[in-house]
Amino acid sequence: MTTLFEQVGGLPVLERVHKLFYDKVYTHEWLGQFFIGHDQASIERRQTLFMAEKMGADIDYWGKQPQMAHRQLYITRELFDLRHELLAESLHEAGIDEGLIDRWLEIDNAFIPVVVKDSIESFYRTTFPYEKRIIIPRPEKKDA
């Protein structure tokens, strides 16, 4: 039985998708603020290896797991959904088969419970006061 990793086309396809995706994220007026000071190519590589492992590749991902990697970030469901939409766009742009897109997005959605914070109060309760907490409010809509 072939893995999802093999079905989508392996590392070259994951790398292409993550390049498209992070190009969108890094230039997004809200999401991009979470990545200031973080090398895009490094983030793309870590995400590629992480997803490869989750899709069944014979690859060991040695980076932080999502709960620890996002612990200090105040990520709301709105932010997660926005990110998820950009990922879906990137998957379509990369020409991934619709059924495989659904499976990829299911894996992505599985991390909602560990990265999305229910409220600012719960966020403060689950981080330590000495940690640098990153809270970036939604940018104001500009009047046309």
N, C-alpha and C. Protein backbone atom coordinates (compact mmCIF):
# COMPACT_ATOMS: atom_id res chain seq x y z
N MET A 1 0.85 -1.19 0.00
CA MET A 1 0.00 0.00 0.00
C MET A 1 0.89 1.26 0.00
N THR A 2 0.59 2.18 -0.87
CA THR A 2 1.40 3.40 -0.95
C THR A 2 0.94 4.40 0.10
N THR A 3 1.88 5.18 0.57
CA THR A 3 1.60 6.19 1.57
C THR A 3 1.06 7.45 0.89
N LEU A 4 0.46 8.31 1.67
CA LEU A 4 0.04 9.61 1.16
C LEU A 4 1.25 10.37 0.63
N PHE A 5 2.35 10.25 1.32
CA PHE A 5 3.60 10.89 0.90
C PHE A 5 3.95 10.48 -0.53
N GLU A 6 3.89 9.19 -0.83
CA GLU A 6 4.20 8.71 -2.17
C GLU A 6 3.14 9.15 -3.18
N GLN A 7 1.88 9.14 -2.77
CA GLN A 7 0.79 9.51 -3.67
C GLN A 7 0.86 10.96 -4.11
N VAL A 8 1.29 11.85 -3.21
CA VAL A 8 1.36 13.27 -3.59
C VAL A 8 2.60 13.58 -4.42
N GLY A 9 3.58 12.68 -4.41
CA GLY A 9 4.78 12.90 -5.23
C GLY A 9 6.07 13.07 -4.47
N GLY A 10 6.05 12.81 -3.16
CA GLY A 10 7.28 12.85 -2.38
C GLY A 10 7.79 14.24 -2.05
N LEU A 11 9.05 14.29 -1.65
CA LEU A 11 9.66 15.55 -1.20
C LEU A 11 9.58 16.69 -2.21
N PRO A 12 9.81 16.44 -3.51
CA PRO A 12 9.74 17.58 -4.44
C PRO A 12 8.38 18.29 -4.43
N VAL A 13 7.32 17.52 -4.28
CA VAL A 13 5.98 18.13 -4.27
C VAL A 13 5.74 18.85 -2.95
N LEU A 14 6.11 18.23 -1.83
CA LEU A 14 5.96 18.90 -0.55
C LEU A 14 6.76 20.20 -0.52
N GLU A 15 7.96 20.17 -1.07
CA GLU A 15 8.78 21.39 -1.11
C GLU A 15 8.12 22.47 -1.95
N ARG A 16 7.55 22.09 -3.09
CA ARG A 16 6.87 23.07 -3.96
C ARG A 16 5.65 23.67 -3.25
N VAL A 17 4.86 22.81 -2.62
CA VAL A 17 3.67 23.29 -1.90
C VAL A 17 4.07 24.24 -0.79
N HIS A 18 5.08 23.87 -0.01
CA HIS A 18 5.47 24.73 1.11
C HIS A 18 6.11 26.03 0.66
N LYS A 19 6.77 26.04 -0.48
CA LYS A 19 7.29 27.30 -1.03
C LYS A 19 6.13 28.23 -1.40
N LEU A 20 5.14 27.68 -2.11
CA LEU A 20 3.96 28.47 -2.47
C LEU A 20 3.25 28.99 -1.21
N PHE A 21 3.07 28.08 -0.27
CA PHE A 21 2.35 28.40 0.96
C PHE A 21 3.06 29.49 1.77
N TYR A 22 4.35 29.31 2.03
CA TYR A 22 5.04 30.29 2.87
C TYR A 22 5.29 31.60 2.15
N ASP A 23 5.33 31.59 0.83
CA ASP A 23 5.35 32.87 0.11
C ASP A 23 4.09 33.67 0.44
N LYS A 24 2.96 32.99 0.53
CA LYS A 24 1.70 33.65 0.89
C LYS A 24 1.71 34.10 2.35
N VAL A 25 2.14 33.21 3.23
CA VAL A 25 2.14 33.49 4.67
C VAL A 25 3.06 34.66 5.00
N TYR A 26 4.27 34.64 4.48
CA TYR A 26 5.25 35.68 4.81
C TYR A 26 4.84 37.05 4.31
N THR A 27 4.02 37.11 3.25
CA THR A 27 3.58 38.41 2.73
C THR A 27 2.19 38.80 3.23
N HIS A 28 1.55 37.93 4.00
CA HIS A 28 0.23 38.25 4.53
C HIS A 28 0.36 39.28 5.65
N GLU A 29 -0.52 40.28 5.64
CA GLU A 29 -0.37 41.38 6.59
C GLU A 29 -0.52 40.94 8.05
N TRP A 30 -1.23 39.86 8.32
CA TRP A 30 -1.41 39.40 9.70
C TRP A 30 -0.51 38.20 10.00
N LEU A 31 -0.66 37.15 9.22
CA LEU A 31 0.13 35.94 9.47
C LEU A 31 1.63 36.20 9.37
N GLY A 32 2.02 37.04 8.43
CA GLY A 32 3.44 37.31 8.24
C GLY A 32 4.12 37.88 9.47
N GLN A 33 3.37 38.57 10.32
CA GLN A 33 3.96 39.17 11.51
C GLN A 33 4.48 38.11 12.50
N PHE A 34 3.90 36.92 12.45
CA PHE A 34 4.35 35.84 13.34
C PHE A 34 5.72 35.30 12.92
N PHE A 35 6.13 35.59 11.69
CA PHE A 35 7.36 35.01 11.15
C PHE A 35 8.51 36.00 11.01
N ILE A 36 8.31 37.21 11.49
CA ILE A 36 9.38 38.21 11.43
C ILE A 36 10.59 37.68 12.19
N GLY A 37 11.74 37.71 11.53
CA GLY A 37 12.97 37.24 12.15
C GLY A 37 13.23 35.75 11.98
N HIS A 38 12.33 35.04 11.28
CA HIS A 38 12.49 33.61 11.04
C HIS A 38 12.77 33.38 9.56
N ASP A 39 13.83 32.67 9.27
CA ASP A 39 14.23 32.39 7.90
C ASP A 39 13.18 31.53 7.20
N GLN A 40 12.64 32.03 6.11
CA GLN A 40 11.57 31.34 5.39
C GLN A 40 12.01 29.97 4.89
N ALA A 41 13.21 29.87 4.32
CA ALA A 41 13.68 28.58 3.79
C ALA A 41 13.78 27.54 4.89
N SER A 42 14.20 27.94 6.08
CA SER A 42 14.28 27.01 7.21
C SER A 42 12.91 26.54 7.65
N ILE A 43 11.97 27.47 7.69
CA ILE A 43 10.59 27.12 8.07
C ILE A 43 10.01 26.16 7.03
N GLU A 44 10.22 26.45 5.75
CA GLU A 44 9.72 25.58 4.69
C GLU A 44 10.28 24.18 4.83
N ARG A 45 11.57 24.08 5.09
CA ARG A 45 12.23 22.77 5.21
C ARG A 45 11.67 21.99 6.40
N ARG A 46 11.53 22.65 7.54
CA ARG A 46 10.99 21.96 8.73
C ARG A 46 9.57 21.48 8.47
N GLN A 47 8.75 22.33 7.85
CA GLN A 47 7.36 21.94 7.57
C GLN A 47 7.32 20.78 6.59
N THR A 48 8.20 20.79 5.61
CA THR A 48 8.26 19.71 4.63
C THR A 48 8.60 18.38 5.31
N LEU A 49 9.60 18.38 6.16
CA LEU A 49 9.99 17.15 6.85
C LEU A 49 8.91 16.70 7.83
N PHE A 50 8.29 17.66 8.52
CA PHE A 50 7.22 17.34 9.46
C PHE A 50 6.05 16.66 8.73
N MET A 51 5.61 17.28 7.65
CA MET A 51 4.48 16.71 6.91
C MET A 51 4.85 15.40 6.23
N ALA A 52 6.07 15.27 5.76
CA ALA A 52 6.51 14.01 5.14
C ALA A 52 6.35 12.88 6.15
N GLU A 53 6.81 13.11 7.37
CA GLU A 53 6.68 12.08 8.40
C GLU A 53 5.20 11.77 8.67
N LYS A 54 4.38 12.80 8.79
CA LYS A 54 2.95 12.60 9.08
C LYS A 54 2.23 11.90 7.93
N MET A 55 2.76 12.02 6.70
CA MET A 55 2.16 11.38 5.53
C MET A 55 2.69 9.98 5.28
N GLY A 56 3.55 9.49 6.18
CA GLY A 56 3.99 8.11 6.07
C GLY A 56 5.35 7.90 5.44
N ALA A 57 6.10 8.96 5.21
CA ALA A 57 7.44 8.82 4.63
C ALA A 57 8.37 8.18 5.65
N ASP A 58 9.39 7.54 5.15
CA ASP A 58 10.42 6.96 6.00
C ASP A 58 11.43 8.05 6.34
N ILE A 59 10.93 9.08 7.01
CA ILE A 59 11.72 10.26 7.37
C ILE A 59 11.44 10.55 8.84
N ASP A 60 12.48 10.79 9.60
CA ASP A 60 12.30 11.17 10.99
C ASP A 60 12.39 12.68 11.12
N TYR A 61 11.35 13.29 11.62
CA TYR A 61 11.34 14.72 11.87
C TYR A 61 11.85 14.94 13.29
N TRP A 62 12.90 15.74 13.41
CA TRP A 62 13.52 15.95 14.72
C TRP A 62 13.23 17.32 15.31
N GLY A 63 12.41 18.12 14.64
CA GLY A 63 12.10 19.46 15.15
C GLY A 63 11.08 19.42 16.27
N LYS A 64 10.73 20.59 16.75
CA LYS A 64 9.71 20.71 17.80
C LYS A 64 8.38 20.21 17.27
N GLN A 65 7.61 19.60 18.15
CA GLN A 65 6.25 19.19 17.81
C GLN A 65 5.35 20.43 17.88
N PRO A 66 4.20 20.40 17.20
CA PRO A 66 3.37 21.60 17.09
C PRO A 66 3.02 22.28 18.41
N GLN A 67 2.71 21.51 19.43
CA GLN A 67 2.32 22.12 20.70
C GLN A 67 3.46 22.99 21.26
N MET A 68 4.68 22.50 21.20
CA MET A 68 5.81 23.27 21.73
C MET A 68 6.22 24.39 20.76
N ALA A 69 6.16 24.13 19.48
CA ALA A 69 6.57 25.14 18.49
C ALA A 69 5.64 26.35 18.50
N HIS A 70 4.38 26.14 18.91
CA HIS A 70 3.38 27.21 18.87
C HIS A 70 2.92 27.64 20.25
N ARG A 71 3.57 27.15 21.26
CA ARG A 71 3.17 27.38 22.64
C ARG A 71 3.06 28.86 22.99
N GLN A 72 4.01 29.66 22.55
CA GLN A 72 4.06 31.06 22.94
C GLN A 72 3.32 31.98 21.96
N LEU A 73 2.65 31.38 20.98
CA LEU A 73 1.94 32.17 19.98
C LEU A 73 0.44 32.14 20.29
N TYR A 74 -0.16 33.31 20.34
CA TYR A 74 -1.61 33.36 20.54
C TYR A 74 -2.29 33.16 19.19
N ILE A 75 -2.64 31.90 18.94
CA ILE A 75 -3.26 31.52 17.67
C ILE A 75 -4.74 31.24 17.92
N THR A 76 -5.57 32.06 17.33
CA THR A 76 -7.02 31.89 17.44
C THR A 76 -7.51 30.97 16.33
N ARG A 77 -8.76 30.55 16.44
CA ARG A 77 -9.33 29.73 15.37
C ARG A 77 -9.38 30.52 14.06
N GLU A 78 -9.65 31.82 14.15
CA GLU A 78 -9.67 32.67 12.96
C GLU A 78 -8.31 32.64 12.25
N LEU A 79 -7.24 32.76 13.01
CA LEU A 79 -5.89 32.71 12.43
C LEU A 79 -5.62 31.34 11.80
N PHE A 80 -5.99 30.28 12.52
CA PHE A 80 -5.76 28.93 12.00
C PHE A 80 -6.52 28.75 10.69
N ASP A 81 -7.78 29.17 10.67
CA ASP A 81 -8.59 29.01 9.46
C ASP A 81 -8.02 29.80 8.28
N LEU A 82 -7.52 30.98 8.56
CA LEU A 82 -6.89 31.80 7.52
C LEU A 82 -5.67 31.08 6.95
N ARG A 83 -4.84 30.55 7.83
CA ARG A 83 -3.67 29.79 7.41
C ARG A 83 -4.07 28.57 6.60
N HIS A 84 -5.11 27.90 7.06
CA HIS A 84 -5.63 26.69 6.40
C HIS A 84 -6.10 27.01 4.97
N GLU A 85 -6.75 28.17 4.79
CA GLU A 85 -7.20 28.60 3.46
C GLU A 85 -6.01 28.83 2.54
N LEU A 86 -4.95 29.44 3.06
CA LEU A 86 -3.76 29.67 2.24
C LEU A 86 -3.09 28.35 1.86
N LEU A 87 -3.13 27.38 2.77
CA LEU A 87 -2.58 26.07 2.46
C LEU A 87 -3.41 25.40 1.36
N ALA A 88 -4.73 25.47 1.46
CA ALA A 88 -5.60 24.89 0.44
C ALA A 88 -5.33 25.54 -0.93
N GLU A 89 -5.21 26.86 -0.95
CA GLU A 89 -4.89 27.56 -2.20
C GLU A 89 -3.58 27.05 -2.79
N SER A 90 -2.59 26.89 -1.94
CA SER A 90 -1.27 26.44 -2.39
C SER A 90 -1.32 25.02 -2.94
N LEU A 91 -2.10 24.17 -2.31
CA LEU A 91 -2.25 22.78 -2.78
C LEU A 91 -2.90 22.75 -4.16
N HIS A 92 -3.92 23.59 -4.35
CA HIS A 92 -4.57 23.67 -5.66
C HIS A 92 -3.61 24.21 -6.71
N GLU A 93 -2.87 25.27 -6.36
CA GLU A 93 -1.91 25.86 -7.29
C GLU A 93 -0.83 24.87 -7.70
N ALA A 94 -0.48 23.95 -6.79
CA ALA A 94 0.56 22.96 -7.08
C ALA A 94 0.01 21.79 -7.90
N GLY A 95 -1.30 21.80 -8.15
CA GLY A 95 -1.89 20.76 -8.99
C GLY A 95 -2.13 19.43 -8.30
N ILE A 96 -2.26 19.46 -6.99
CA ILE A 96 -2.51 18.24 -6.23
C ILE A 96 -3.94 17.77 -6.49
N ASP A 97 -4.12 16.46 -6.61
CA ASP A 97 -5.43 15.86 -6.81
C ASP A 97 -6.36 16.20 -5.64
N GLU A 98 -7.62 16.48 -5.96
CA GLU A 98 -8.59 16.93 -4.95
C GLU A 98 -8.71 15.96 -3.76
N GLY A 99 -8.73 14.67 -4.03
CA GLY A 99 -8.81 13.70 -2.94
C GLY A 99 -7.60 13.73 -2.03
N LEU A 100 -6.44 13.97 -2.63
CA LEU A 100 -5.21 14.06 -1.84
C LEU A 100 -5.16 15.37 -1.06
N ILE A 101 -5.72 16.41 -1.65
CA ILE A 101 -5.82 17.69 -0.92
C ILE A 101 -6.64 17.50 0.34
N ASP A 102 -7.77 16.82 0.21
CA ASP A 102 -8.64 16.57 1.38
C ASP A 102 -7.88 15.83 2.47
N ARG A 103 -7.11 14.84 2.08
CA ARG A 103 -6.35 14.06 3.08
C ARG A 103 -5.26 14.91 3.72
N TRP A 104 -4.58 15.74 2.91
CA TRP A 104 -3.54 16.62 3.44
C TRP A 104 -4.15 17.59 4.45
N LEU A 105 -5.31 18.18 4.08
CA LEU A 105 -5.95 19.15 4.96
C LEU A 105 -6.49 18.50 6.23
N GLU A 106 -6.87 17.23 6.16
CA GLU A 106 -7.29 16.50 7.37
C GLU A 106 -6.13 16.40 8.36
N ILE A 107 -4.95 16.10 7.84
CA ILE A 107 -3.77 16.04 8.71
C ILE A 107 -3.53 17.42 9.34
N ASP A 108 -3.62 18.46 8.54
CA ASP A 108 -3.42 19.82 9.03
C ASP A 108 -4.43 20.14 10.14
N ASN A 109 -5.68 19.80 9.93
CA ASN A 109 -6.73 20.07 10.92
C ASN A 109 -6.55 19.31 12.22
N ALA A 110 -5.83 18.19 12.16
CA ALA A 110 -5.62 17.39 13.37
C ALA A 110 -4.84 18.16 14.44
N PHE A 111 -4.18 19.24 14.04
CA PHE A 111 -3.36 19.99 14.99
C PHE A 111 -4.09 21.17 15.63
N ILE A 112 -5.35 21.35 15.28
CA ILE A 112 -6.14 22.43 15.89
C ILE A 112 -6.10 22.36 17.41
N PRO A 113 -6.36 21.20 18.02
CA PRO A 113 -6.38 21.17 19.49
C PRO A 113 -5.07 21.56 20.17
N VAL A 114 -3.95 21.42 19.49
CA VAL A 114 -2.67 21.73 20.15
C VAL A 114 -2.09 23.08 19.80
N VAL A 115 -2.62 23.75 18.78
CA VAL A 115 -2.08 25.07 18.44
C VAL A 115 -3.08 26.21 18.65
N VAL A 116 -4.36 25.93 18.56
CA VAL A 116 -5.37 26.99 18.71
C VAL A 116 -5.67 27.20 20.19
N LYS A 117 -5.66 28.46 20.60
CA LYS A 117 -5.97 28.82 21.97
C LYS A 117 -7.44 29.23 22.04
N ASP A 118 -8.15 28.70 23.02
CA ASP A 118 -9.58 28.97 23.18
C ASP A 118 -9.88 30.42 23.55
N SER A 119 -8.98 31.01 24.32
CA SER A 119 -9.18 32.39 24.76
C SER A 119 -7.84 32.96 25.21
N ILE A 120 -7.79 34.25 25.33
CA ILE A 120 -6.56 34.89 25.81
C ILE A 120 -6.28 34.45 27.24
N GLU A 121 -7.33 34.23 28.03
CA GLU A 121 -7.15 33.78 29.42
C GLU A 121 -6.49 32.40 29.47
N SER A 122 -6.96 31.49 28.62
CA SER A 122 -6.37 30.14 28.62
C SER A 122 -4.93 30.20 28.10
N PHE A 123 -4.67 31.10 27.17
CA PHE A 123 -3.31 31.29 26.66
C PHE A 123 -2.38 31.71 27.79
N TYR A 124 -2.80 32.68 28.59
CA TYR A 124 -1.96 33.13 29.69
C TYR A 124 -1.78 32.05 30.75
N ARG A 125 -2.79 31.20 30.93
CA ARG A 125 -2.68 30.12 31.92
C ARG A 125 -1.73 29.02 31.47
N THR A 126 -1.53 28.87 30.16
CA THR A 126 -0.72 27.76 29.66
C THR A 126 0.70 28.18 29.26
N THR A 127 1.04 29.43 29.48
CA THR A 127 2.40 29.89 29.23
C THR A 127 2.96 30.42 30.56
N PHE A 128 4.27 30.45 30.64
CA PHE A 128 4.91 30.96 31.84
C PHE A 128 5.14 32.46 31.71
N PRO A 129 5.04 33.19 32.82
CA PRO A 129 5.20 34.65 32.76
C PRO A 129 6.54 35.09 32.17
N TYR A 130 7.58 34.29 32.31
CA TYR A 130 8.89 34.68 31.80
C TYR A 130 9.06 34.39 30.30
N GLU A 131 8.10 33.69 29.70
CA GLU A 131 8.18 33.40 28.27
C GLU A 131 7.76 34.63 27.46
N LYS A 132 8.39 34.79 26.32
CA LYS A 132 7.98 35.87 25.43
C LYS A 132 6.71 35.41 24.71
N ARG A 133 5.60 36.00 25.06
CA ARG A 133 4.33 35.66 24.44
C ARG A 133 4.12 36.55 23.22
N ILE A 134 3.69 35.93 22.14
CA ILE A 134 3.48 36.68 20.90
C ILE A 134 1.99 36.76 20.62
N ILE A 135 1.48 37.97 20.73
CA ILE A 135 0.06 38.23 20.48
C ILE A 135 0.00 39.32 19.43
N ILE A 136 -0.55 38.98 18.29
CA ILE A 136 -0.62 39.95 17.19
C ILE A 136 -2.08 40.14 16.82
N PRO A 137 -2.64 41.29 17.15
CA PRO A 137 -4.05 41.53 16.82
C PRO A 137 -4.27 41.62 15.31
N ARG A 138 -5.47 41.32 14.90
CA ARG A 138 -5.82 41.43 13.48
C ARG A 138 -5.65 42.88 13.06
N PRO A 139 -4.98 43.10 11.94
CA PRO A 139 -4.82 44.48 11.46
C PRO A 139 -6.18 45.11 11.16
N GLU A 140 -6.23 46.39 11.41
CA GLU A 140 -7.45 47.15 11.11
C GLU A 140 -7.70 47.17 9.62
N LYS A 141 -8.95 47.11 9.24
CA LYS A 141 -9.31 47.25 7.82
C LYS A 141 -9.07 48.69 7.42
N LYS A 142 -8.43 48.85 6.27
CA LYS A 142 -8.15 50.19 5.77
C LYS A 142 -9.34 50.66 4.93
N ASP A 143 -9.76 51.89 5.20
CA ASP A 143 -10.88 52.45 4.40
C ASP A 143 -10.39 52.75 2.99
N ALA A 144 -11.25 52.43 2.03
CA ALA A 144 -10.88 52.67 0.63
C ALA A 144 -11.09 54.10 0.25
